[in-house]
């Protein structure tokens, strides 16, 4: 009987905790209009920012393709913007 009482008490306590958590979440969660306003102000919505991100991705992809096409270890380049010609560090 003691085990059953403890089990019910724990279950009730967990239920109350879940209820309080759900109530607090409902209080602090922004409404639909507020969510839309926040999304409009994100930096990713700016066309200049999106163009910059696309250019960065293009440069990264080009660098990865160049690295895949060569046998040189590009991680050892002193200046990554140059082609490898003797710019390796001495080990």
Protein backbone atom coordinates (compact mmCIF):
# COMPACT_ATOMS: atom_id res chain seq x y z
CA UNK A 1 0.00 0.00 0.00
CA UNK A 2 2.91 2.32 0.78
CA UNK A 3 4.39 1.74 -2.69
CA UNK A 4 1.07 2.57 -4.34
CA UNK A 5 0.78 5.80 -2.31
CA UNK A 6 4.33 6.86 -3.24
CA UNK A 7 3.68 6.04 -6.89
CA UNK A 8 0.50 8.12 -6.94
CA UNK A 9 2.27 10.99 -5.18
CA UNK A 10 5.11 10.94 -7.72
CA UNK A 11 2.63 10.75 -10.60
CA UNK A 12 0.63 13.66 -9.21
CA UNK A 13 3.79 15.70 -8.70
CA UNK A 14 4.92 15.04 -12.26
CA UNK A 15 1.48 15.95 -13.58
CA UNK A 16 1.48 19.23 -11.64
CA UNK A 17 4.98 20.02 -12.91
CA UNK A 18 3.97 19.34 -16.50
CA UNK A 19 0.88 21.51 -16.09
CA UNK A 20 2.89 24.40 -14.65
CA UNK A 21 5.44 24.07 -17.45
CA UNK A 22 2.76 24.10 -20.13
CA UNK A 23 1.10 27.15 -18.55
CA UNK A 24 4.39 29.04 -18.39
CA UNK A 25 5.17 28.15 -22.01
CA UNK A 26 1.75 29.44 -23.09
CA UNK A 27 2.41 32.70 -21.24
CA UNK A 28 5.82 33.45 -22.74
CA UNK A 29 5.37 32.07 -26.29
CA UNK A 30 4.88 34.92 -28.80
CA UNK A 31 1.67 35.11 -30.79
CA UNK A 32 1.44 34.52 -34.54
CA UNK A 33 1.69 38.23 -35.41
CA UNK A 34 4.73 38.68 -33.19
CA UNK A 35 6.36 35.60 -34.72
CA UNK A 36 5.80 36.97 -38.25
CA UNK A 37 7.27 40.35 -37.23
CA UNK A 38 10.35 38.65 -35.78
CA UNK A 39 10.83 36.57 -38.95
CA UNK A 40 10.65 39.69 -41.14
CA UNK A 41 13.46 41.33 -39.17
CA UNK A 42 15.89 38.40 -39.34
CA UNK A 43 19.18 39.18 -41.10
CA UNK A 44 18.58 36.30 -43.52
CA UNK A 45 15.60 38.18 -44.99
CA UNK A 46 17.83 41.02 -46.26
CA UNK A 47 18.60 40.50 -49.99
CA UNK A 48 22.16 41.79 -49.57
CA UNK A 49 22.79 39.34 -46.74
CA UNK A 50 21.39 36.45 -48.81
CA UNK A 51 23.59 37.42 -51.78
CA UNK A 52 26.64 37.58 -49.52
CA UNK A 53 25.86 34.16 -48.06
CA UNK A 54 25.39 32.69 -51.55
CA UNK A 55 28.74 34.17 -52.69
CA UNK A 56 30.47 32.76 -49.60
CA UNK A 57 29.03 29.32 -50.32
CA UNK A 58 30.18 29.57 -53.95
CA UNK A 59 33.73 30.44 -52.85
CA UNK A 60 33.77 27.60 -50.35
CA UNK A 61 32.53 25.12 -52.93
CA UNK A 62 35.13 26.31 -55.45
CA UNK A 63 37.88 25.93 -52.84
CA UNK A 64 36.71 22.42 -51.97
CA UNK A 65 36.55 21.46 -55.64
CA UNK A 66 40.06 22.81 -56.21
CA UNK A 67 41.36 20.93 -53.17
CA UNK A 68 39.72 17.73 -54.38
CA UNK A 69 41.31 18.09 -57.81
CA UNK A 70 44.89 18.36 -56.53
CA UNK A 71 47.21 16.03 -54.68
CA UNK A 72 48.64 18.91 -52.64
CA UNK A 73 47.73 19.20 -49.00
CA UNK A 74 46.13 22.65 -49.11
CA UNK A 75 46.03 22.84 -45.32
CA UNK A 76 49.79 23.50 -45.35
CA UNK A 77 49.55 26.61 -47.53
CA UNK A 78 50.77 29.80 -45.92
CA UNK A 79 48.46 31.88 -48.08
CA UNK A 80 45.33 29.99 -49.03
CA UNK A 81 44.46 32.45 -51.77
CA UNK A 82 47.54 31.46 -53.82
CA UNK A 83 48.06 28.35 -55.83
CA UNK A 84 50.42 26.00 -54.06
CA UNK A 85 53.75 26.60 -55.88
CA UNK A 86 56.27 25.98 -53.10
CA UNK A 87 54.30 27.64 -50.33
CA UNK A 88 54.37 24.60 -48.05
CA UNK A 89 55.78 24.87 -44.56
CA UNK A 90 58.89 22.92 -43.81
CA UNK A 91 58.04 20.12 -41.43
